[in-house]
Amino acid sequence: MNSNRPYLIRALYEWIMDNGMSPHLLVKADENVKVPREYVEDGKIILNIQADAVKGLQLGNEFIDFNARFGGTPQEITVPVSSVLAIYATENGKGLIFPEEDEDTDAPVDGDRKDGKQRPHLKVIK
């Protein structure tokens, strides 16, 4: 199956905006991420993606792209969806934290049945 991460990011972005709050992304700033490196701390960067703060926001299935100003300088930002660690509203911290790496859906999980089929598995995310 396709990752549900891009769908959840889009849904939470809309929910946060509908509630009049500011959506922010916490991003793992590795070599695949195009962000201003001077704003990276401990290998991570927080990006404000509120409609008033960015131009040309595209929340795609593979990448999140937009233009934003950092210290008054326009920057083109590209973030692979898999690098997004969280999306949340800064005003109250409500949102969703993602695991650092997508789990392999073919990997065995505790509770596999003897016939080789996996039982349904849900994970609670707070």
PDB file of N, CA and C in Angstrom:
ATOM      1  N   MET A   1       0.831  -1.188   0.000  1.00  0.00           N
ATOM      2  CA  MET A   1       0.000   0.000   0.000  1.00  0.00           C
ATOM      3  C   MET A   1       0.879   1.256   0.000  1.00  0.00           C
ATOM      4  N   ASN A   2       0.345   2.332  -0.537  1.00  0.00           N
ATOM      5  CA  ASN A   2       1.017   3.626  -0.479  1.00  0.00           C
ATOM      6  C   ASN A   2       1.056   4.114   0.960  1.00  0.00           C
ATOM      7  N   SER A   3       2.037   4.932   1.262  1.00  0.00           N
ATOM      8  CA  SER A   3       2.133   5.529   2.586  1.00  0.00           C
ATOM      9  C   SER A   3       0.924   6.424   2.844  1.00  0.00           C
ATOM     10  N   ASN A   4       0.431   6.410   4.071  1.00  0.00           N
ATOM     11  CA  ASN A   4      -0.685   7.293   4.417  1.00  0.00           C
ATOM     12  C   ASN A   4      -0.195   8.671   4.874  1.00  0.00           C
ATOM     13  N   ARG A   5       1.111   8.842   5.010  1.00  0.00           N
ATOM     14  CA  ARG A   5       1.683  10.092   5.510  1.00  0.00           C
ATOM     15  C   ARG A   5       1.265  11.322   4.702  1.00  0.00           C
ATOM     16  N   PRO A   6       1.353  11.317   3.352  1.00  0.00           N
ATOM     17  CA  PRO A   6       0.949  12.541   2.630  1.00  0.00           C
ATOM     18  C   PRO A   6      -0.523  12.876   2.806  1.00  0.00           C
ATOM     19  N   TYR A   7      -1.364  11.871   2.916  1.00  0.00           N
ATOM     20  CA  TYR A   7      -2.800  12.092   3.101  1.00  0.00           C
ATOM     21  C   TYR A   7      -3.079  12.683   4.487  1.00  0.00           C
ATOM     22  N   LEU A   8      -2.373  12.181   5.492  1.00  0.00           N
ATOM     23  CA  LEU A   8      -2.545  12.699   6.843  1.00  0.00           C
ATOM     24  C   LEU A   8      -2.021  14.133   6.954  1.00  0.00           C
ATOM     25  N   ILE A   9      -0.913  14.418   6.284  1.00  0.00           N
ATOM     26  CA  ILE A   9      -0.367  15.779   6.302  1.00  0.00           C
ATOM     27  C   ILE A   9      -1.371  16.752   5.701  1.00  0.00           C
ATOM     28  N   ARG A  10      -1.945  16.393   4.544  1.00  0.00           N
ATOM     29  CA  ARG A  10      -2.922  17.277   3.908  1.00  0.00           C
ATOM     30  C   ARG A  10      -4.163  17.467   4.779  1.00  0.00           C
ATOM     31  N   ALA A  11      -4.638  16.393   5.385  1.00  0.00           N
ATOM     32  CA  ALA A  11      -5.831  16.475   6.230  1.00  0.00           C
ATOM     33  C   ALA A  11      -5.572  17.346   7.462  1.00  0.00           C
ATOM     34  N   LEU A  12      -4.441  17.154   8.106  1.00  0.00           N
ATOM     35  CA  LEU A  12      -4.136  17.947   9.292  1.00  0.00           C
ATOM     36  C   LEU A  12      -3.843  19.398   8.939  1.00  0.00           C
ATOM     37  N   TYR A  13      -3.227  19.646   7.799  1.00  0.00           N
ATOM     38  CA  TYR A  13      -3.014  21.019   7.343  1.00  0.00           C
ATOM     39  C   TYR A  13      -4.361  21.728   7.220  1.00  0.00           C
ATOM     40  N   GLU A  14      -5.297  21.089   6.563  1.00  0.00           N
ATOM     41  CA  GLU A  14      -6.627  21.681   6.366  1.00  0.00           C
ATOM     42  C   GLU A  14      -7.329  21.895   7.707  1.00  0.00           C
ATOM     43  N   TRP A  15      -7.255  20.911   8.591  1.00  0.00           N
ATOM     44  CA  TRP A  15      -7.899  20.997   9.902  1.00  0.00           C
ATOM     45  C   TRP A  15      -7.316  22.151  10.725  1.00  0.00           C
ATOM     46  N   ILE A  16      -5.985  22.279  10.715  1.00  0.00           N
ATOM     47  CA  ILE A  16      -5.330  23.348  11.469  1.00  0.00           C
ATOM     48  C   ILE A  16      -5.721  24.714  10.899  1.00  0.00           C
ATOM     49  N   MET A  17      -5.696  24.837   9.566  1.00  0.00           N
ATOM     50  CA  MET A  17      -6.058  26.103   8.927  1.00  0.00           C
ATOM     51  C   MET A  17      -7.529  26.448   9.182  1.00  0.00           C
ATOM     52  N   ASP A  18      -8.420  25.442   9.101  1.00  0.00           N
ATOM     53  CA  ASP A  18      -9.847  25.675   9.348  1.00  0.00           C
ATOM     54  C   ASP A  18     -10.117  26.187  10.757  1.00  0.00           C
ATOM     55  N   ASN A  19      -9.216  25.862  11.683  1.00  0.00           N
ATOM     56  CA  ASN A  19      -9.369  26.313  13.061  1.00  0.00           C
ATOM     57  C   ASN A  19      -8.626  27.614  13.330  1.00  0.00           C
ATOM     58  N   GLY A  20      -8.168  28.273  12.258  1.00  0.00           N
ATOM     59  CA  GLY A  20      -7.536  29.575  12.392  1.00  0.00           C
ATOM     60  C   GLY A  20      -6.177  29.552  13.060  1.00  0.00           C
ATOM     61  N   MET A  21      -5.487  28.428  12.950  1.00  0.00           N
ATOM     62  CA  MET A  21      -4.175  28.302  13.585  1.00  0.00           C
ATOM     63  C   MET A  21      -3.083  28.173  12.536  1.00  0.00           C
ATOM     64  N   SER A  22      -1.829  28.106  12.991  1.00  0.00           N
ATOM     65  CA  SER A  22      -0.664  28.102  12.110  1.00  0.00           C
ATOM     66  C   SER A  22      -0.033  26.710  12.026  1.00  0.00           C
ATOM     67  N   PRO A  23      -0.154  26.027  10.869  1.00  0.00           N
ATOM     68  CA  PRO A  23       0.457  24.710  10.731  1.00  0.00           C
ATOM     69  C   PRO A  23       1.972  24.806  10.548  1.00  0.00           C
ATOM     70  N   HIS A  24       2.677  24.002  11.299  1.00  0.00           N
ATOM     71  CA  HIS A  24       4.132  23.920  11.203  1.00  0.00           C
ATOM     72  C   HIS A  24       4.534  22.469  10.986  1.00  0.00           C
ATOM     73  N   LEU A  25       5.624  22.290  10.250  1.00  0.00           N
ATOM     74  CA  LEU A  25       6.188  20.965  10.026  1.00  0.00           C
ATOM     75  C   LEU A  25       7.494  20.844  10.796  1.00  0.00           C
ATOM     76  N   LEU A  26       7.687  19.706  11.448  1.00  0.00           N
ATOM     77  CA  LEU A  26       8.990  19.356  11.994  1.00  0.00           C
ATOM     78  C   LEU A  26       9.593  18.385  10.990  1.00  0.00           C
ATOM     79  N   VAL A  27      10.768  18.734  10.465  1.00  0.00           N
ATOM     80  CA  VAL A  27      11.351  17.986   9.354  1.00  0.00           C
ATOM     81  C   VAL A  27      12.746  17.494   9.719  1.00  0.00           C
ATOM     82  N   LYS A  28      13.026  16.254   9.381  1.00  0.00           N
ATOM     83  CA  LYS A  28      14.372  15.695   9.494  1.00  0.00           C
ATOM     84  C   LYS A  28      15.187  16.280   8.345  1.00  0.00           C
ATOM     85  N   ALA A  29      16.161  17.119   8.656  1.00  0.00           N
ATOM     86  CA  ALA A  29      16.902  17.875   7.647  1.00  0.00           C
ATOM     87  C   ALA A  29      18.144  17.116   7.193  1.00  0.00           C
ATOM     88  N   ASP A  30      17.917  16.037   6.448  1.00  0.00           N
ATOM     89  CA  ASP A  30      19.033  15.267   5.899  1.00  0.00           C
ATOM     90  C   ASP A  30      19.387  15.789   4.516  1.00  0.00           C
ATOM     91  N   GLU A  31      20.225  15.054   3.777  1.00  0.00           N
ATOM     92  CA  GLU A  31      20.696  15.499   2.463  1.00  0.00           C
ATOM     93  C   GLU A  31      19.599  15.536   1.401  1.00  0.00           C
ATOM     94  N   ASN A  32      18.451  14.914   1.642  1.00  0.00           N
ATOM     95  CA  ASN A  32      17.343  14.902   0.688  1.00  0.00           C
ATOM     96  C   ASN A  32      16.435  16.127   0.792  1.00  0.00           C
ATOM     97  N   VAL A  33      16.652  16.951   1.802  1.00  0.00           N
ATOM     98  CA  VAL A  33      15.789  18.095   2.090  1.00  0.00           C
ATOM     99  C   VAL A  33      16.474  19.370   1.610  1.00  0.00           C
ATOM    100  N   LYS A  34      15.734  20.206   0.887  1.00  0.00           N
ATOM    101  CA  LYS A  34      16.270  21.492   0.430  1.00  0.00           C
ATOM    102  C   LYS A  34      15.689  22.597   1.308  1.00  0.00           C
ATOM    103  N   VAL A  35      16.483  22.980   2.314  1.00  0.00           N
ATOM    104  CA  VAL A  35      16.106  24.031   3.258  1.00  0.00           C
ATOM    105  C   VAL A  35      17.352  24.863   3.557  1.00  0.00           C
ATOM    106  N   PRO A  36      17.185  26.081   4.071  1.00  0.00           N
ATOM    107  CA  PRO A  36      18.361  26.862   4.457  1.00  0.00           C
ATOM    108  C   PRO A  36      19.043  26.211   5.665  1.00  0.00           C
ATOM    109  N   ARG A  37      20.244  25.742   5.473  1.00  0.00           N
ATOM    110  CA  ARG A  37      20.971  24.962   6.491  1.00  0.00           C
ATOM    111  C   ARG A  37      21.268  25.750   7.765  1.00  0.00           C
ATOM    112  N   GLU A  38      21.336  27.072   7.657  1.00  0.00           N
ATOM    113  CA  GLU A  38      21.647  27.869   8.845  1.00  0.00           C
ATOM    114  C   GLU A  38      20.512  27.850   9.871  1.00  0.00           C
ATOM    115  N   TYR A  39      19.344  27.355   9.483  1.00  0.00           N
ATOM    116  CA  TYR A  39      18.202  27.269  10.396  1.00  0.00           C
ATOM    117  C   TYR A  39      17.985  25.848  10.927  1.00  0.00           C
ATOM    118  N   VAL A  40      18.855  24.924  10.560  1.00  0.00           N
ATOM    119  CA  VAL A  40      18.764  23.539  11.019  1.00  0.00           C
ATOM    120  C   VAL A  40      19.411  23.432  12.396  1.00  0.00           C
ATOM    121  N   GLU A  41      18.697  22.798  13.334  1.00  0.00           N
ATOM    122  CA  GLU A  41      19.224  22.559  14.679  1.00  0.00           C
ATOM    123  C   GLU A  41      19.057  21.084  15.017  1.00  0.00           C
ATOM    124  N   ASP A  42      20.128  20.458  15.452  1.00  0.00           N
ATOM    125  CA  ASP A  42      20.117  19.040  15.829  1.00  0.00           C
ATOM    126  C   ASP A  42      19.568  18.167  14.699  1.00  0.00           C
ATOM    127  N   GLY A  43      19.872  18.530  13.447  1.00  0.00           N
ATOM    128  CA  GLY A  43      19.446  17.728  12.303  1.00  0.00           C
ATOM    129  C   GLY A  43      17.972  17.870  11.948  1.00  0.00           C
ATOM    130  N   LYS A  44      17.310  18.889  12.535  1.00  0.00           N
ATOM    131  CA  LYS A  44      15.880  19.096  12.282  1.00  0.00           C
ATOM    132  C   LYS A  44      15.610  20.573  12.029  1.00  0.00           C
ATOM    133  N   ILE A  45      14.503  20.831  11.345  1.00  0.00           N
ATOM    134  CA  ILE A  45      14.084  22.204  11.092  1.00  0.00           C
ATOM    135  C   ILE A  45      12.572  22.291  11.234  1.00  0.00           C
ATOM    136  N   ILE A  46      12.099  23.413  11.748  1.00  0.00           N
ATOM    137  CA  ILE A  46      10.661  23.659  11.859  1.00  0.00           C
ATOM    138  C   ILE A  46      10.290  24.661  10.776  1.00  0.00           C
ATOM    139  N   LEU A  47       9.266  24.316   9.991  1.00  0.00           N
ATOM    140  CA  LEU A  47       8.829  25.147   8.876  1.00  0.00           C
ATOM    141  C   LEU A  47       7.385  25.586   9.071  1.00  0.00           C
ATOM    142  N   ASN A  48       7.158  26.886   8.999  1.00  0.00           N
ATOM    143  CA  ASN A  48       5.815  27.446   9.067  1.00  0.00           C
ATOM    144  C   ASN A  48       5.209  27.324   7.664  1.00  0.00           C
ATOM    145  N   ILE A  49       4.125  26.576   7.515  1.00  0.00           N
ATOM    146  CA  ILE A  49       3.503  26.411   6.197  1.00  0.00           C
ATOM    147  C   ILE A  49       2.120  27.060   6.138  1.00  0.00           C
ATOM    148  N   GLN A  50       1.878  28.013   7.020  1.00  0.00           N
ATOM    149  CA  GLN A  50       0.614  28.756   6.988  1.00  0.00           C
ATOM    150  C   GLN A  50       0.515  29.492   5.653  1.00  0.00           C
ATOM    151  N   ALA A  51      -0.672  29.575   5.108  1.00  0.00           N
ATOM    152  CA  ALA A  51      -0.894  30.165   3.780  1.00  0.00           C
ATOM    153  C   ALA A  51      -0.305  31.569   3.667  1.00  0.00           C
ATOM    154  N   ASP A  52      -0.355  32.368   4.727  1.00  0.00           N
ATOM    155  CA  ASP A  52       0.189  33.726   4.694  1.00  0.00           C
ATOM    156  C   ASP A  52       1.717  33.760   4.721  1.00  0.00           C
ATOM    157  N   ALA A  53       2.352  32.665   5.112  1.00  0.00           N
ATOM    158  CA  ALA A  53       3.804  32.633   5.286  1.00  0.00           C
ATOM    159  C   ALA A  53       4.547  32.060   4.081  1.00  0.00           C
ATOM    160  N   VAL A  54       3.834  31.386   3.183  1.00  0.00           N
ATOM    161  CA  VAL A  54       4.484  30.723   2.046  1.00  0.00           C
ATOM    162  C   VAL A  54       3.778  31.078   0.745  1.00  0.00           C
ATOM    163  N   LYS A  55       4.459  30.797  -0.355  1.00  0.00           N
ATOM    164  CA  LYS A  55       3.864  30.945  -1.684  1.00  0.00           C
ATOM    165  C   LYS A  55       4.002  29.626  -2.423  1.00  0.00           C
ATOM    166  N   GLY A  56       2.973  29.285  -3.184  1.00  0.00           N
ATOM    167  CA  GLY A  56       3.032  28.106  -4.039  1.00  0.00           C
ATOM    168  C   GLY A  56       3.112  26.783  -3.295  1.00  0.00           C
ATOM    169  N   LEU A  57       2.468  26.688  -2.156  1.00  0.00           N
ATOM    170  CA  LEU A  57       2.514  25.453  -1.371  1.00  0.00           C
ATOM    171  C   LEU A  57       1.892  24.289  -2.139  1.00  0.00           C
ATOM    172  N   GLN A  58       2.660  23.229  -2.292  1.00  0.00           N
ATOM    173  CA  GLN A  58       2.196  21.994  -2.926  1.00  0.00           C
ATOM    174  C   GLN A  58       2.425  20.852  -1.941  1.00  0.00           C
ATOM    175  N   LEU A  59       1.333  20.267  -1.440  1.00  0.00           N
ATOM    176  CA  LEU A  59       1.419  19.131  -0.525  1.00  0.00           C
ATOM    177  C   LEU A  59       1.205  17.866  -1.351  1.00  0.00           C
ATOM    178  N   GLY A  60       2.251  17.410  -2.012  1.00  0.00           N
ATOM    179  CA  GLY A  60       2.161  16.263  -2.906  1.00  0.00           C
ATOM    180  C   GLY A  60       2.331  14.941  -2.184  1.00  0.00           C
ATOM    181  N   ASN A  61       2.219  13.860  -2.939  1.00  0.00           N
ATOM    182  CA  ASN A  61       2.383  12.525  -2.364  1.00  0.00           C
ATOM    183  C   ASN A  61       3.837  12.179  -2.079  1.00  0.00           C
ATOM    184  N   GLU A  62       4.769  12.773  -2.829  1.00  0.00           N
ATOM    185  CA  GLU A  62       6.188  12.482  -2.649  1.00  0.00           C
ATOM    186  C   GLU A  62       6.949  13.639  -1.998  1.00  0.00           C
ATOM    187  N   PHE A  63       6.577  14.880  -2.371  1.00  0.00           N
ATOM    188  CA  PHE A  63       7.303  16.050  -1.892  1.00  0.00           C
ATOM    189  C   PHE A  63       6.349  17.157  -1.453  1.00  0.00           C
ATOM    190  N   ILE A  64       6.844  17.993  -0.543  1.00  0.00           N
ATOM    191  CA  ILE A  64       6.183  19.230  -0.164  1.00  0.00           C
ATOM    192  C   ILE A  64       7.086  20.349  -0.676  1.00  0.00           C
ATOM    193  N   ASP A  65       6.530  21.200  -1.529  1.00  0.00           N
ATOM    194  CA  ASP A  65       7.294  22.286  -2.138  1.00  0.00           C
ATOM    195  C   ASP A  65       6.622  23.619  -1.848  1.00  0.00           C
ATOM    196  N   PHE A  66       7.427  24.648  -1.605  1.00  0.00           N
ATOM    197  CA  PHE A  66       6.909  26.001  -1.447  1.00  0.00           C
ATOM    198  C   PHE A  66       8.065  26.987  -1.438  1.00  0.00           C
ATOM    199  N   ASN A  67       7.724  28.262  -1.509  1.00  0.00           N
ATOM    200  CA  ASN A  67       8.687  29.348  -1.381  1.00  0.00           C
ATOM    201  C   ASN A  67       8.372  30.095  -0.090  1.00  0.00           C
ATOM    202  N   ALA A  68       9.435  30.474   0.622  1.00  0.00           N
ATOM    203  CA  ALA A  68       9.273  31.205   1.876  1.00  0.00           C
ATOM    204  C   ALA A  68      10.476  32.124   2.072  1.00  0.00           C
ATOM    205  N   ARG A  69      10.313  33.081   2.953  1.00  0.00           N
ATOM    206  CA  ARG A  69      11.409  33.992   3.276  1.00  0.00           C
ATOM    207  C   ARG A  69      12.043  33.566   4.596  1.00  0.00           C
ATOM    208  N   PHE A  70      13.358  33.539   4.598  1.00  0.00           N
ATOM    209  CA  PHE A  70      14.135  33.258   5.801  1.00  0.00           C
ATOM    210  C   PHE A  70      15.093  34.430   5.973  1.00  0.00           C
ATOM    211  N   GLY A  71      14.920  35.179   7.040  1.00  0.00           N
ATOM    212  CA  GLY A  71      15.739  36.363   7.252  1.00  0.00           C
ATOM    213  C   GLY A  71      15.588  37.370   6.119  1.00  0.00           C
ATOM    214  N   GLY A  72      14.400  37.433   5.529  1.00  0.00           N
ATOM    215  CA  GLY A  72      14.122  38.372   4.456  1.00  0.00           C
ATOM    216  C   GLY A  72      14.548  37.902   3.073  1.00  0.00           C
ATOM    217  N   THR A  73      15.208  36.751   2.999  1.00  0.00           N
ATOM    218  CA  THR A  73      15.681  36.224   1.720  1.00  0.00           C
ATOM    219  C   THR A  73      14.739  35.133   1.227  1.00  0.00           C
ATOM    220  N   PRO A  74      14.218  35.261  -0.012  1.00  0.00           N
ATOM    221  CA  PRO A  74      13.340  34.215  -0.540  1.00  0.00           C
ATOM    222  C   PRO A  74      14.116  32.911  -0.743  1.00  0.00           C
ATOM    223  N   GLN A  75      13.478  31.818  -0.369  1.00  0.00           N
ATOM    224  CA  GLN A  75      14.096  30.488  -0.489  1.00  0.00           C
ATOM    225  C   GLN A  75      13.092  29.521  -1.097  1.00  0.00           C
ATOM    226  N   GLU A  76      13.583  28.622  -1.921  1.00  0.00           N
ATOM    227  CA  GLU A  76      12.765  27.534  -2.454  1.00  0.00           C
ATOM    228  C   GLU A  76      12.978  26.328  -1.547  1.00  0.00           C
ATOM    229  N   ILE A  77      11.878  25.786  -1.022  1.00  0.00           N
ATOM    230  CA  ILE A  77      11.938  24.677  -0.064  1.00  0.00           C
ATOM    231  C   ILE A  77      11.364  23.413  -0.706  1.00  0.00           C
ATOM    232  N   THR A  78      12.082  22.307  -0.560  1.00  0.00           N
ATOM    233  CA  THR A  78      11.605  21.009  -1.025  1.00  0.00           C
ATOM    234  C   THR A  78      11.857  19.996   0.078  1.00  0.00           C
ATOM    235  N   VAL A  79      10.793  19.324   0.499  1.00  0.00           N
ATOM    236  CA  VAL A  79      10.872  18.349   1.591  1.00  0.00           C
ATOM    237  C   VAL A  79      10.227  17.047   1.137  1.00  0.00           C
ATOM    238  N   PRO A  80      10.969  15.945   1.118  1.00  0.00           N
ATOM    239  CA  PRO A  80      10.312  14.662   0.866  1.00  0.00           C
ATOM    240  C   PRO A  80       9.309  14.385   1.981  1.00  0.00           C
ATOM    241  N   VAL A  81       8.156  13.895   1.636  1.00  0.00           N
ATOM    242  CA  VAL A  81       7.117  13.609   2.631  1.00  0.00           C
ATOM    243  C   VAL A  81       7.655  12.671   3.710  1.00  0.00           C
ATOM    244  N   SER A  82       8.526  11.751   3.321  1.00  0.00           N
ATOM    245  CA  SER A  82       9.080  10.787   4.289  1.00  0.00           C
ATOM    246  C   SER A  82       9.966  11.462   5.337  1.00  0.00           C
ATOM    247  N   SER A  83      10.407  12.703   5.095  1.00  0.00           N
ATOM    248  CA  SER A  83      11.238  13.434   6.061  1.00  0.00           C
ATOM    249  C   SER A  83      10.427  14.226   7.076  1.00  0.00           C
ATOM    250  N   VAL A  84       9.108  14.283   6.892  1.00  0.00           N
ATOM    251  CA  VAL A  84       8.250  15.016   7.839  1.00  0.00           C
ATOM    252  C   VAL A  84       8.085  14.174   9.100  1.00  0.00           C
ATOM    253  N   LEU A  85       8.486  14.738  10.218  1.00  0.00           N
ATOM    254  CA  LEU A  85       8.390  14.042  11.506  1.00  0.00           C
ATOM    255  C   LEU A  85       7.109  14.397  12.251  1.00  0.00           C
ATOM    256  N   ALA A  86       6.552  15.593  11.969  1.00  0.00           N
ATOM    257  CA  ALA A  86       5.324  16.006  12.648  1.00  0.00           C
ATOM    258  C   ALA A  86       4.694  17.171  11.901  1.00  0.00           C
ATOM    259  N   ILE A  87       3.375  17.304  12.067  1.00  0.00           N
ATOM    260  CA  ILE A  87       2.640  18.499  11.649  1.00  0.00           C
ATOM    261  C   ILE A  87       1.768  18.871  12.831  1.00  0.00           C
ATOM    262  N   TYR A  88       1.810  20.167  13.192  1.00  0.00           N
ATOM    263  CA  TYR A  88       1.085  20.596  14.382  1.00  0.00           C
ATOM    264  C   TYR A  88       0.769  22.084  14.307  1.00  0.00           C
ATOM    265  N   ALA A  89      -0.173  22.505  15.139  1.00  0.00           N
ATOM    266  CA  ALA A  89      -0.512  23.919  15.286  1.00  0.00           C
ATOM    267  C   ALA A  89       0.373  24.499  16.385  1.00  0.00           C
ATOM    268  N   THR A  90       1.066  25.577  16.085  1.00  0.00           N
ATOM    269  CA  THR A  90       1.962  26.156  17.088  1.00  0.00           C
ATOM    270  C   THR A  90       1.220  26.727  18.284  1.00  0.00           C
ATOM    271  N   GLU A  91      -0.004  27.175  18.066  1.00  0.00           N
ATOM    272  CA  GLU A  91      -0.758  27.811  19.149  1.00  0.00           C
ATOM    273  C   GLU A  91      -1.096  26.854  20.288  1.00  0.00           C
ATOM    274  N   ASN A  92      -1.336  25.583  19.972  1.00  0.00           N
ATOM    275  CA  ASN A  92      -1.726  24.639  21.034  1.00  0.00           C
ATOM    276  C   ASN A  92      -0.989  23.295  20.969  1.00  0.00           C
ATOM    277  N   GLY A  93      -0.132  23.107  19.981  1.00  0.00           N
ATOM    278  CA  GLY A  93       0.635  21.868  19.872  1.00  0.00           C
ATOM    279  C   GLY A  93      -0.144  20.679  19.347  1.00  0.00           C
ATOM    280  N   LYS A  94      -1.412  20.872  18.981  1.00  0.00           N
ATOM    281  CA  LYS A  94      -2.231  19.768  18.472  1.00  0.00           C
ATOM    282  C   LYS A  94      -1.775  19.392  17.072  1.00  0.00           C
ATOM    283  N   GLY A  95      -1.672  18.105  16.821  1.00  0.00           N
ATOM    284  CA  GLY A  95      -1.246  17.631  15.521  1.00  0.00           C
ATOM    285  C   GLY A  95      -0.915  16.157  15.558  1.00  0.00           C
ATOM    286  N   LEU A  96       0.089  15.766  14.793  1.00  0.00           N
ATOM    287  CA  LEU A  96       0.428  14.353  14.665  1.00  0.00           C
ATOM    288  C   LEU A  96       1.932  14.197  14.516  1.00  0.00           C
ATOM    289  N   ILE A  97       2.502  13.251  15.263  1.00  0.00           N
ATOM    290  CA  ILE A  97       3.919  12.902  15.167  1.00  0.00           C
ATOM    291  C   ILE A  97       4.021  11.622  14.356  1.00  0.00           C
ATOM    292  N   PHE A  98       4.942  11.605  13.394  1.00  0.00           N
ATOM    293  CA  PHE A  98       5.171  10.427  12.566  1.00  0.00           C
ATOM    294  C   PHE A  98       6.445   9.726  13.015  1.00  0.00           C
ATOM    295  N   PRO A  99       6.536   8.405  12.774  1.00  0.00           N
ATOM    296  CA  PRO A  99       7.810   7.732  13.046  1.00  0.00           C
ATOM    297  C   PRO A  99       8.871   8.272  12.093  1.00  0.00           C
ATOM    298  N   GLU A 100      10.153   8.209  12.502  1.00  0.00           N
ATOM    299  CA  GLU A 100      11.217   8.760  11.655  1.00  0.00           C
ATOM    300  C   GLU A 100      11.315   8.053  10.317  1.00  0.00           C
ATOM    301  N   GLU A 101      11.015   6.771  10.263  1.00  0.00           N
ATOM    302  CA  GLU A 101      11.020   6.041   9.001  1.00  0.00           C
ATOM    303  C   GLU A 101       9.716   5.290   8.879  1.00  0.00           C
ATOM    304  N   ASP A 102       9.186   5.212   7.645  1.00  0.00           N
ATOM    305  CA  ASP A 102       7.963   4.436   7.435  1.00  0.00           C
ATOM    306  C   ASP A 102       8.242   2.991   7.769  1.00  0.00           C
ATOM    307  N   GLU A 103       7.293   2.353   8.445  1.00  0.00           N
ATOM    308  CA  GLU A 103       7.439   0.949   8.767  1.00  0.00           C
ATOM    309  C   GLU A 103       7.244   0.125   7.509  1.00  0.00           C
ATOM    310  N   ASP A 104       8.001  -0.966   7.384  1.00  0.00           N
ATOM    311  CA  ASP A 104       7.872  -1.874   6.250  1.00  0.00           C
ATOM    312  C   ASP A 104       6.595  -2.680   6.448  1.00  0.00           C
ATOM    313  N   THR A 105       5.636  -2.520   5.542  1.00  0.00           N
ATOM    314  CA  THR A 105       4.344  -3.184   5.709  1.00  0.00           C
ATOM    315  C   THR A 105       4.431  -4.689   5.510  1.00  0.00           C
ATOM    316  N   ASP A 106       5.548  -5.176   4.935  1.00  0.00           N
ATOM    317  CA  ASP A 106       5.705  -6.618   4.748  1.00  0.00           C
ATOM    318  C   ASP A 106       6.453  -7.278   5.900  1.00  0.00           C
ATOM    319  N   ALA A 107       6.948  -6.490   6.818  1.00  0.00           N
ATOM    320  CA  ALA A 107       7.700  -7.052   7.938  1.00  0.00           C
ATOM    321  C   ALA A 107       6.748  -7.766   8.885  1.00  0.00           C
ATOM    322  N   PRO A 108       7.212  -8.889   9.484  1.00  0.00           N
ATOM    323  CA  PRO A 108       6.354  -9.600  10.422  1.00  0.00           C
ATOM    324  C   PRO A 108       6.082  -8.748  11.656  1.00  0.00           C
ATOM    325  N   VAL A 109       4.909  -8.898  12.201  1.00  0.00           N
ATOM    326  CA  VAL A 109       4.549  -8.202  13.430  1.00  0.00           C
ATOM    327  C   VAL A 109       4.191  -9.232  14.484  1.00  0.00           C
ATOM    328  N   ASP A 110       4.297  -8.828  15.748  1.00  0.00           N
ATOM    329  CA  ASP A 110       3.883  -9.725  16.828  1.00  0.00           C
ATOM    330  C   ASP A 110       2.445 -10.140  16.586  1.00  0.00           C
ATOM    331  N   GLY A 111       2.145 -11.399  16.794  1.00  0.00           N
ATOM    332  CA  GLY A 111       0.780 -11.866  16.626  1.00  0.00           C
ATOM    333  C   GLY A 111       0.502 -12.424  15.237  1.00  0.00           C
ATOM    334  N   ASP A 112       1.541 -12.613  14.403  1.00  0.00           N
ATOM    335  CA  ASP A 112       1.314 -13.241  13.099  1.00  0.00           C
ATOM    336  C   ASP A 112       0.694 -14.616  13.318  1.00  0.00           C
ATOM    337  N   ARG A 113      -0.194 -14.998  12.447  1.00  0.00           N
ATOM    338  CA  ARG A 113      -0.853 -16.293  12.556  1.00  0.00           C
ATOM    339  C   ARG A 113       0.027 -17.358  11.933  1.00  0.00           C
ATOM    340  N   LYS A 114      -0.209 -18.595  12.308  1.00  0.00           N
ATOM    341  CA  LYS A 114       0.603 -19.695  11.807  1.00  0.00           C
ATOM    342  C   LYS A 114       0.462 -19.900  10.308  1.00  0.00           C
ATOM    343  N   ASP A 115      -0.638 -19.446   9.704  1.00  0.00           N
ATOM    344  CA  ASP A 115      -0.817 -19.600   8.266  1.00  0.00           C
ATOM    345  C   ASP A 115      -0.055 -18.537   7.479  1.00  0.00           C
ATOM    346  N   GLY A 116       0.746 -17.706   8.168  1.00  0.00           N
ATOM    347  CA  GLY A 116       1.567 -16.702   7.503  1.00  0.00           C
ATOM    348  C   GLY A 116       0.874 -15.372   7.287  1.00  0.00           C
ATOM    349  N   LYS A 117      -0.429 -15.313   7.515  1.00  0.00           N
ATOM    350  CA  LYS A 117      -1.150 -14.052   7.334  1.00  0.00           C
ATOM    351  C   LYS A 117      -1.040 -13.230   8.603  1.00  0.00           C
ATOM    352  N   GLN A 118      -0.949 -11.935   8.408  1.00  0.00           N
ATOM    353  CA  GLN A 118      -0.842 -11.054   9.558  1.00  0.00           C
ATOM    354  C   GLN A 118      -2.216 -10.654  10.061  1.00  0.00           C
ATOM    355  N   ARG A 119      -2.317 -10.551  11.375  1.00  0.00           N
ATOM    356  CA  ARG A 119      -3.536 -10.007  11.964  1.00  0.00           C
ATOM    357  C   ARG A 119      -3.542  -8.515  11.732  1.00  0.00           C
ATOM    358  N   PRO A 120      -4.710  -7.908  11.699  1.00  0.00           N
ATOM    359  CA  PRO A 120      -4.744  -6.447  11.598  1.00  0.00           C
ATOM    360  C   PRO A 120      -3.962  -5.827  12.748  1.00  0.00           C
ATOM    361  N   HIS A 121      -3.262  -4.759  12.451  1.00  0.00           N
ATOM    362  CA  HIS A 121      -2.396  -4.130  13.434  1.00  0.00           C
ATOM    363  C   HIS A 121      -2.608  -2.628  13.401  1.00  0.00           C
ATOM    364  N   LEU A 122      -3.059  -2.068  14.513  1.00  0.00           N
ATOM    365  CA  LEU A 122      -3.239  -0.624  14.626  1.00  0.00           C
ATOM    366  C   LEU A 122      -2.248  -0.105  15.642  1.00  0.00           C
ATOM    367  N   LYS A 123      -1.781   1.109  15.422  1.00  0.00           N
ATOM    368  CA  LYS A 123      -0.820   1.735  16.319  1.00  0.00           C
ATOM    369  C   LYS A 123      -1.418   3.042  16.806  1.00  0.00           C
ATOM    370  N   VAL A 124      -1.445   3.262  18.102  1.00  0.00           N
ATOM    371  CA  VAL A 124      -1.972   4.486  18.685  1.00  0.00           C
ATOM    372  C   VAL A 124      -0.886   5.557  18.591  1.00  0.00           C
ATOM    373  N   ILE A 125      -1.252   6.710  18.009  1.00  0.00           N
ATOM    374  CA  ILE A 125      -0.331   7.829  17.892  1.00  0.00           C
ATOM    375  C   ILE A 125      -0.915   8.985  18.673  1.00  0.00           C
ATOM    376  N   LYS A 126      -0.170   9.481  19.644  1.00  0.00           N
ATOM    377  CA  LYS A 126      -0.652  10.572  20.488  1.00  0.00           C
ATOM    378  C   LYS A 126      -0.088  11.885  20.036  1.00  0.00           C
TER     379      LYS A 126
END
